[in-house]
Amino acid sequence: IFGRQTKCMSLTFNKVSDTSLSVTEAMEFYLLDNINVDYAHTNTGTLNIEDPANSAQMRVKWPDNILGSATFTVVDTDYEGYALIVECQKLWLVSRTNAAILSRTSTLAYELITKLKGTVDSLDLDSTDFSSMRHENCIPEGQADFEFAFDETVRKNTFGFLKEEKLQNILTEEDLAAAIDFPTDSQTPSRK
């Protein structure tokens, strides 16, 4: 995986059903190395295959993302050693896109990385944004001073101001404003 603010990042996938997977993202943060705190963070989301004929195209829902689900696409894989994934979330006029090269080993061949970065570039994403993810001196599982496991239960308690049924119905800026009882432009008095 490539990233900038984190280290020791991994994704673990578990089959829940024929059309659903759980995905746990585990990571540590560089900043906390400077203050000598062992902190581990996990975020467990769900992946749903919407079309079994195209199982590489899924929707991911992360519990720490109150703006809803995103597309999650396996763009390239050899099914044994590596995968290139792209996650994209569109919200009104903006979008957020993440790409990651996943590997079951600590290194990949230079030629393979070059090929996968070429694929990223062909998707109109910038592969120069990638940086290698460090996996040295990672905290063994269960041995961190502080561990925070973010899952659906924590999300409901943390972001309780929006109930699940409201989150699923937010499709536009107006829907979000209505869900949080925030005035839209048409409801805001004009300033003179």
C-alpha atoms as a PDB file:
ATOM      1  CA  ILE A   1       0.000   0.000   0.000  1.00  0.00           C
ATOM      2  CA  PHE A   2       1.158   3.525  -0.690  1.00  0.00           C
ATOM      3  CA  GLY A   3       0.436   6.373   1.726  1.00  0.00           C
ATOM      4  CA  ARG A   4       1.923   9.461   3.379  1.00  0.00           C
ATOM      5  CA  GLN A   5       0.687  10.010   6.942  1.00  0.00           C
ATOM      6  CA  THR A   6       0.433   6.376   7.977  1.00  0.00           C
ATOM      7  CA  LYS A   7       2.630   3.329   8.288  1.00  0.00           C
ATOM      8  CA  CYS A   8       2.070  -0.386   8.772  1.00  0.00           C
ATOM      9  CA  MET A   9      -1.209  -0.137   6.863  1.00  0.00           C
ATOM     10  CA  SER A  10      -2.957  -3.316   5.835  1.00  0.00           C
ATOM     11  CA  LEU A  11      -6.329  -4.412   4.510  1.00  0.00           C
ATOM     12  CA  THR A  12      -7.859  -7.711   5.595  1.00  0.00           C
ATOM     13  CA  PHE A  13     -10.828  -9.101   3.685  1.00  0.00           C
ATOM     14  CA  ASN A  14     -13.254 -11.715   5.044  1.00  0.00           C
ATOM     15  CA  LYS A  15     -16.146 -13.292   3.174  1.00  0.00           C
ATOM     16  CA  VAL A  16     -19.489 -12.673   4.881  1.00  0.00           C
ATOM     17  CA  SER A  17     -21.736 -14.051   2.116  1.00  0.00           C
ATOM     18  CA  ASP A  18     -21.609 -14.644  -1.640  1.00  0.00           C
ATOM     19  CA  THR A  19     -22.144 -10.919  -2.209  1.00  0.00           C
ATOM     20  CA  SER A  20     -20.631  -9.326   0.887  1.00  0.00           C
ATOM     21  CA  LEU A  21     -17.196  -9.000   2.499  1.00  0.00           C
ATOM     22  CA  SER A  22     -15.924  -7.271   5.588  1.00  0.00           C
ATOM     23  CA  VAL A  23     -12.764  -5.221   5.122  1.00  0.00           C
ATOM     24  CA  THR A  24     -10.569  -4.103   8.010  1.00  0.00           C
ATOM     25  CA  GLU A  25      -8.065  -1.329   7.449  1.00  0.00           C
ATOM     26  CA  ALA A  26      -5.338  -1.313  10.120  1.00  0.00           C
ATOM     27  CA  MET A  27      -2.702   1.413  10.437  1.00  0.00           C
ATOM     28  CA  GLU A  28      -0.368   3.388  12.648  1.00  0.00           C
ATOM     29  CA  PHE A  29       0.384   7.114  12.411  1.00  0.00           C
ATOM     30  CA  TYR A  30       3.864   8.670  11.984  1.00  0.00           C
ATOM     31  CA  LEU A  31       3.008  11.640  14.211  1.00  0.00           C
ATOM     32  CA  LEU A  32       2.644   9.449  17.278  1.00  0.00           C
ATOM     33  CA  ASP A  33       6.152   8.019  16.802  1.00  0.00           C
ATOM     34  CA  ASN A  34       7.507  11.439  17.824  1.00  0.00           C
ATOM     35  CA  ILE A  35       5.808  11.313  21.224  1.00  0.00           C
ATOM     36  CA  ASN A  36       6.605   7.638  21.836  1.00  0.00           C
ATOM     37  CA  VAL A  37       2.993   6.390  21.918  1.00  0.00           C
ATOM     38  CA  ASP A  38       2.129   2.995  20.472  1.00  0.00           C
ATOM     39  CA  TYR A  39      -1.252   3.567  18.848  1.00  0.00           C
ATOM     40  CA  ALA A  40      -3.061   1.193  16.510  1.00  0.00           C
ATOM     41  CA  HIS A  41      -6.186   2.095  14.572  1.00  0.00           C
ATOM     42  CA  THR A  42      -8.564  -0.238  12.763  1.00  0.00           C
ATOM     43  CA  ASN A  43     -11.557   0.657  10.641  1.00  0.00           C
ATOM     44  CA  THR A  44     -13.889  -2.189   9.647  1.00  0.00           C
ATOM     45  CA  GLY A  45     -16.257  -1.600   6.769  1.00  0.00           C
ATOM     46  CA  THR A  46     -18.407  -3.647   4.429  1.00  0.00           C
ATOM     47  CA  LEU A  47     -17.980  -4.400   0.750  1.00  0.00           C
ATOM     48  CA  ASN A  48     -21.066  -5.343  -1.246  1.00  0.00           C
ATOM     49  CA  ILE A  49     -20.975  -6.874  -4.710  1.00  0.00           C
ATOM     50  CA  GLU A  50     -23.906  -5.289  -6.507  1.00  0.00           C
ATOM     51  CA  ASP A  51     -23.616  -7.310  -9.729  1.00  0.00           C
ATOM     52  CA  PRO A  52     -22.324 -10.892  -9.364  1.00  0.00           C
ATOM     53  CA  ALA A  53     -21.406 -10.830 -13.070  1.00  0.00           C
ATOM     54  CA  ASN A  54     -18.923  -8.022 -12.262  1.00  0.00           C
ATOM     55  CA  SER A  55     -17.581  -8.942  -8.821  1.00  0.00           C
ATOM     56  CA  ALA A  56     -14.584  -6.596  -9.178  1.00  0.00           C
ATOM     57  CA  GLN A  57     -16.986  -3.640  -8.876  1.00  0.00           C
ATOM     58  CA  MET A  58     -18.291  -3.187  -5.327  1.00  0.00           C
ATOM     59  CA  ARG A  59     -19.587  -0.572  -2.925  1.00  0.00           C
ATOM     60  CA  VAL A  60     -17.688   0.041   0.296  1.00  0.00           C
ATOM     61  CA  LYS A  61     -19.145   1.569   3.409  1.00  0.00           C
ATOM     62  CA  TRP A  62     -16.672   2.717   6.050  1.00  0.00           C
ATOM     63  CA  PRO A  63     -18.100   3.488   9.499  1.00  0.00           C
ATOM     64  CA  ASP A  64     -16.008   6.668   9.827  1.00  0.00           C
ATOM     65  CA  ASN A  65     -17.408   8.120   6.587  1.00  0.00           C
ATOM     66  CA  ILE A  66     -20.713   9.817   7.391  1.00  0.00           C
ATOM     67  CA  LEU A  67     -21.170  10.822   3.757  1.00  0.00           C
ATOM     68  CA  GLY A  68     -22.138   7.316   2.683  1.00  0.00           C
ATOM     69  CA  SER A  69     -20.697   4.571   0.557  1.00  0.00           C
ATOM     70  CA  ALA A  70     -18.172   4.698  -2.276  1.00  0.00           C
ATOM     71  CA  THR A  71     -17.353   2.550  -5.274  1.00  0.00           C
ATOM     72  CA  PHE A  72     -14.550   0.071  -4.658  1.00  0.00           C
ATOM     73  CA  THR A  73     -13.050  -1.480  -7.772  1.00  0.00           C
ATOM     74  CA  VAL A  74     -10.392  -4.150  -8.130  1.00  0.00           C
ATOM     75  CA  VAL A  75      -8.743  -2.796 -11.281  1.00  0.00           C
ATOM     76  CA  ASP A  76      -5.994  -5.422 -11.591  1.00  0.00           C
ATOM     77  CA  THR A  77      -4.944  -8.521  -9.659  1.00  0.00           C
ATOM     78  CA  ASP A  78      -3.159 -11.831 -10.064  1.00  0.00           C
ATOM     79  CA  TYR A  79      -5.399 -13.305  -7.307  1.00  0.00           C
ATOM     80  CA  GLU A  80      -2.336 -14.460  -5.355  1.00  0.00           C
ATOM     81  CA  GLY A  81       0.208 -11.702  -4.777  1.00  0.00           C
ATOM     82  CA  TYR A  82      -1.069  -8.227  -5.650  1.00  0.00           C
ATOM     83  CA  ALA A  83      -4.114  -6.106  -6.404  1.00  0.00           C
ATOM     84  CA  LEU A  84      -4.696  -2.559  -7.608  1.00  0.00           C
ATOM     85  CA  ILE A  85      -7.815  -1.071  -6.048  1.00  0.00           C
ATOM     86  CA  VAL A  86      -9.551   2.262  -6.619  1.00  0.00           C
ATOM     87  CA  GLU A  87     -12.113   3.776  -4.265  1.00  0.00           C
ATOM     88  CA  CYS A  88     -14.219   6.718  -5.470  1.00  0.00           C
ATOM     89  CA  GLN A  89     -16.873   8.723  -3.681  1.00  0.00           C
ATOM     90  CA  LYS A  90     -18.869  11.429  -5.428  1.00  0.00           C
ATOM     91  CA  LEU A  91     -20.644  14.071  -3.433  1.00  0.00           C
ATOM     92  CA  TRP A  92     -22.446  16.821  -5.266  1.00  0.00           C
ATOM     93  CA  LEU A  93     -19.815  18.636  -7.344  1.00  0.00           C
ATOM     94  CA  VAL A  94     -16.713  17.090  -5.770  1.00  0.00           C
ATOM     95  CA  SER A  95     -15.278  13.625  -5.586  1.00  0.00           C
ATOM     96  CA  ARG A  96     -12.699  11.760  -3.555  1.00  0.00           C
ATOM     97  CA  THR A  97     -10.579   9.063  -5.175  1.00  0.00           C
ATOM     98  CA  ASN A  98      -8.051   6.763  -3.525  1.00  0.00           C
ATOM     99  CA  ALA A  99      -5.924   4.175  -5.274  1.00  0.00           C
ATOM    100  CA  ALA A 100      -3.772   1.560  -3.606  1.00  0.00           C
ATOM    101  CA  ILE A 101      -1.430  -1.176  -4.715  1.00  0.00           C
ATOM    102  CA  LEU A 102      -1.851  -4.084  -2.314  1.00  0.00           C
ATOM    103  CA  SER A 103       0.728  -6.832  -1.894  1.00  0.00           C
ATOM    104  CA  ARG A 104       0.878 -10.019   0.157  1.00  0.00           C
ATOM    105  CA  THR A 105       4.663  -9.583   0.379  1.00  0.00           C
ATOM    106  CA  SER A 106       6.776  -6.702   1.650  1.00  0.00           C
ATOM    107  CA  THR A 107       8.062  -5.889  -1.847  1.00  0.00           C
ATOM    108  CA  LEU A 108       6.865  -6.065  -5.430  1.00  0.00           C
ATOM    109  CA  ALA A 109       8.975  -6.239  -8.562  1.00  0.00           C
ATOM    110  CA  TYR A 110       9.842  -2.827  -9.993  1.00  0.00           C
ATOM    111  CA  GLU A 111       8.351  -3.845 -13.364  1.00  0.00           C
ATOM    112  CA  LEU A 112       5.021  -4.719 -11.746  1.00  0.00           C
ATOM    113  CA  ILE A 113       4.871  -1.442  -9.821  1.00  0.00           C
ATOM    114  CA  THR A 114       5.656   0.440 -13.044  1.00  0.00           C
ATOM    115  CA  LYS A 115       2.869  -1.445 -14.862  1.00  0.00           C
ATOM    116  CA  LEU A 116       0.340  -0.748 -12.088  1.00  0.00           C
ATOM    117  CA  LYS A 117       1.283   2.935 -11.913  1.00  0.00           C
ATOM    118  CA  GLY A 118       0.734   3.081 -15.684  1.00  0.00           C
ATOM    119  CA  THR A 119      -2.745   1.674 -15.134  1.00  0.00           C
ATOM    120  CA  VAL A 120      -3.398   4.328 -12.475  1.00  0.00           C
ATOM    121  CA  ASP A 121      -2.270   7.054 -14.902  1.00  0.00           C
ATOM    122  CA  SER A 122      -4.560   5.623 -17.616  1.00  0.00           C
ATOM    123  CA  LEU A 123      -7.492   6.145 -15.218  1.00  0.00           C
ATOM    124  CA  ASP A 124      -6.705   9.892 -15.131  1.00  0.00           C
ATOM    125  CA  LEU A 125      -5.281   9.561 -11.617  1.00  0.00           C
ATOM    126  CA  ASP A 126      -1.776  10.733 -10.734  1.00  0.00           C
ATOM    127  CA  SER A 127       0.540   7.867  -9.819  1.00  0.00           C
ATOM    128  CA  THR A 128       3.188  10.362  -8.666  1.00  0.00           C
ATOM    129  CA  ASP A 129       0.989  10.868  -5.580  1.00  0.00           C
ATOM    130  CA  PHE A 130       2.011   7.369  -4.438  1.00  0.00           C
ATOM    131  CA  SER A 131       4.685   6.865  -1.842  1.00  0.00           C
ATOM    132  CA  SER A 132       5.760   3.533  -0.396  1.00  0.00           C
ATOM    133  CA  MET A 133       4.093   2.384   2.806  1.00  0.00           C
ATOM    134  CA  ARG A 134       6.562   1.507   5.565  1.00  0.00           C
ATOM    135  CA  HIS A 135       6.069  -1.825   7.300  1.00  0.00           C
ATOM    136  CA  GLU A 136       9.155  -1.827   9.552  1.00  0.00           C
ATOM    137  CA  ASN A 137       8.846  -1.806  13.355  1.00  0.00           C
ATOM    138  CA  CYS A 138       5.087  -2.322  13.289  1.00  0.00           C
ATOM    139  CA  ILE A 139       3.348  -2.873  16.607  1.00  0.00           C
ATOM    140  CA  PRO A 140       2.343  -6.530  16.975  1.00  0.00           C
ATOM    141  CA  GLU A 141      -1.430  -7.014  17.089  1.00  0.00           C
ATOM    142  CA  GLY A 142      -2.795  -6.548  20.597  1.00  0.00           C
ATOM    143  CA  GLN A 143       0.378  -4.908  21.962  1.00  0.00           C
ATOM    144  CA  ALA A 144      -0.274  -1.197  21.359  1.00  0.00           C
ATOM    145  CA  ASP A 145      -0.550   1.228  24.284  1.00  0.00           C
ATOM    146  CA  PHE A 146      -3.791   2.474  22.723  1.00  0.00           C
ATOM    147  CA  GLU A 147      -5.968   0.627  20.231  1.00  0.00           C
ATOM    148  CA  PHE A 148      -9.015   2.130  18.582  1.00  0.00           C
ATOM    149  CA  ALA A 149     -11.249  -0.196  16.602  1.00  0.00           C
ATOM    150  CA  PHE A 150     -13.710   1.806  14.536  1.00  0.00           C
ATOM    151  CA  ASP A 151     -16.680  -0.247  13.410  1.00  0.00           C
ATOM    152  CA  GLU A 152     -20.406   0.142  12.842  1.00  0.00           C
ATOM    153  CA  THR A 153     -21.169   0.130  16.591  1.00  0.00           C
ATOM    154  CA  VAL A 154     -18.693   2.934  17.293  1.00  0.00           C
ATOM    155  CA  ARG A 155     -19.939   4.889  14.263  1.00  0.00           C
ATOM    156  CA  LYS A 156     -23.507   4.836  15.507  1.00  0.00           C
ATOM    157  CA  ASN A 157     -22.391   6.102  18.906  1.00  0.00           C
ATOM    158  CA  THR A 158     -19.942   8.674  17.492  1.00  0.00           C
ATOM    159  CA  PHE A 159     -22.073  10.032  14.685  1.00  0.00           C
ATOM    160  CA  GLY A 160     -25.417   9.533  16.407  1.00  0.00           C
ATOM    161  CA  PHE A 161     -26.717  12.887  15.223  1.00  0.00           C
ATOM    162  CA  LEU A 162     -27.670  11.240  11.892  1.00  0.00           C
ATOM    163  CA  LYS A 163     -29.600   8.009  12.032  1.00  0.00           C
ATOM    164  CA  GLU A 164     -28.772   5.274   9.509  1.00  0.00           C
ATOM    165  CA  GLU A 165     -32.027   5.683   7.578  1.00  0.00           C
ATOM    166  CA  LYS A 166     -31.273   9.393   7.088  1.00  0.00           C
ATOM    167  CA  LEU A 167     -27.727   8.676   5.881  1.00  0.00           C
ATOM    168  CA  GLN A 168     -28.976   6.284   3.214  1.00  0.00           C
ATOM    169  CA  ASN A 169     -31.369   8.912   1.829  1.00  0.00           C
ATOM    170  CA  ILE A 170     -28.790  11.692   1.402  1.00  0.00           C
ATOM    171  CA  LEU A 171     -28.226  12.105  -2.324  1.00  0.00           C
ATOM    172  CA  THR A 172     -27.961  15.863  -2.754  1.00  0.00           C
ATOM    173  CA  GLU A 173     -26.758  18.916  -0.861  1.00  0.00           C
ATOM    174  CA  GLU A 174     -30.382  19.753  -0.070  1.00  0.00           C
ATOM    175  CA  ASP A 175     -30.918  16.243   1.376  1.00  0.00           C
ATOM    176  CA  LEU A 176     -27.908  16.710   3.679  1.00  0.00           C
ATOM    177  CA  ALA A 177     -29.126  20.152   4.770  1.00  0.00           C
ATOM    178  CA  ALA A 178     -32.564  18.717   5.540  1.00  0.00           C
ATOM    179  CA  ALA A 179     -31.080  15.752   7.431  1.00  0.00           C
ATOM    180  CA  ILE A 180     -29.096  17.998   9.762  1.00  0.00           C
ATOM    181  CA  ASP A 181     -31.752  20.730   9.782  1.00  0.00           C
ATOM    182  CA  PHE A 182     -29.373  23.223   8.181  1.00  0.00           C
ATOM    183  CA  PRO A 183     -30.872  25.962   5.975  1.00  0.00           C
ATOM    184  CA  THR A 184     -30.225  25.717   2.237  1.00  0.00           C
ATOM    185  CA  ASP A 185     -29.524  28.767   0.043  1.00  0.00           C
ATOM    186  CA  SER A 186     -33.230  29.068  -0.760  1.00  0.00           C
ATOM    187  CA  GLN A 187     -34.043  29.138   2.975  1.00  0.00           C
ATOM    188  CA  THR A 188     -31.285  31.555   3.967  1.00  0.00           C
ATOM    189  CA  PRO A 189     -32.311  35.230   4.092  1.00  0.00           C
ATOM    190  CA  SER A 190     -30.503  37.312   1.501  1.00  0.00           C
ATOM    191  CA  ARG A 191     -28.016  39.903   2.676  1.00  0.00           C
ATOM    192  CA  LYS A 192     -28.291  43.416   1.364  1.00  0.00           C
END
